[in-house]
Amino acid sequence: NISLAAQHMYKASEALRTALNRLGGELEQHH
């Protein structure tokens, strides 16, 4: 199912973006 795969990729990209934002925030706090 293409829509299901697209939805999964969207959720994965959202999780990755959240993780990157969290990591960036932690790096800013340490500096």
C-alpha atoms as a PDB file:
ATOM      1  CA  ASN A   1       0.000   0.000   0.000  1.00  0.00           C
ATOM      2  CA  ILE A   2       1.691   3.196  -1.192  1.00  0.00           C
ATOM      3  CA  SER A   3      -0.195   5.532   1.147  1.00  0.00           C
ATOM      4  CA  LEU A   4       0.755   3.374   4.138  1.00  0.00           C
ATOM      5  CA  ALA A   5       4.433   3.449   3.143  1.00  0.00           C
ATOM      6  CA  ALA A   6       4.272   7.215   2.635  1.00  0.00           C
ATOM      7  CA  GLN A   7       2.653   7.658   6.047  1.00  0.00           C
ATOM      8  CA  HIS A   8       5.369   5.519   7.643  1.00  0.00           C
ATOM      9  CA  MET A   9       8.108   7.552   5.957  1.00  0.00           C
ATOM     10  CA  TYR A  10       6.435  10.781   7.068  1.00  0.00           C
ATOM     11  CA  LYS A  11       6.334   9.604  10.687  1.00  0.00           C
ATOM     12  CA  ALA A  12       9.958   8.482  10.456  1.00  0.00           C
ATOM     13  CA  SER A  13      11.028  11.861   9.054  1.00  0.00           C
ATOM     14  CA  GLU A  14       9.089  13.648  11.799  1.00  0.00           C
ATOM     15  CA  ALA A  15      10.806  11.532  14.470  1.00  0.00           C
ATOM     16  CA  LEU A  16      14.202  12.209  12.885  1.00  0.00           C
ATOM     17  CA  ARG A  17      13.535  15.944  12.763  1.00  0.00           C
ATOM     18  CA  THR A  18      12.457  15.912  16.418  1.00  0.00           C
ATOM     19  CA  ALA A  19      15.607  14.016  17.404  1.00  0.00           C
ATOM     20  CA  LEU A  20      17.810  16.447  15.479  1.00  0.00           C
ATOM     21  CA  ASN A  21      16.098  19.456  17.057  1.00  0.00           C
ATOM     22  CA  ARG A  22      16.530  17.928  20.522  1.00  0.00           C
ATOM     23  CA  LEU A  23      20.188  17.178  19.843  1.00  0.00           C
ATOM     24  CA  GLY A  24      20.757  20.698  18.507  1.00  0.00           C
ATOM     25  CA  GLY A  25      19.113  22.191  21.590  1.00  0.00           C
ATOM     26  CA  GLU A  26      21.332  20.134  23.896  1.00  0.00           C
ATOM     27  CA  LEU A  27      24.434  21.210  21.977  1.00  0.00           C
ATOM     28  CA  GLU A  28      23.412  24.862  22.264  1.00  0.00           C
ATOM     29  CA  GLN A  29      22.878  24.492  26.013  1.00  0.00           C
ATOM     30  CA  HIS A  30      26.331  22.953  26.503  1.00  0.00           C
ATOM     31  CA  HIS A  31      28.022  25.807  24.616  1.00  0.00           C
END
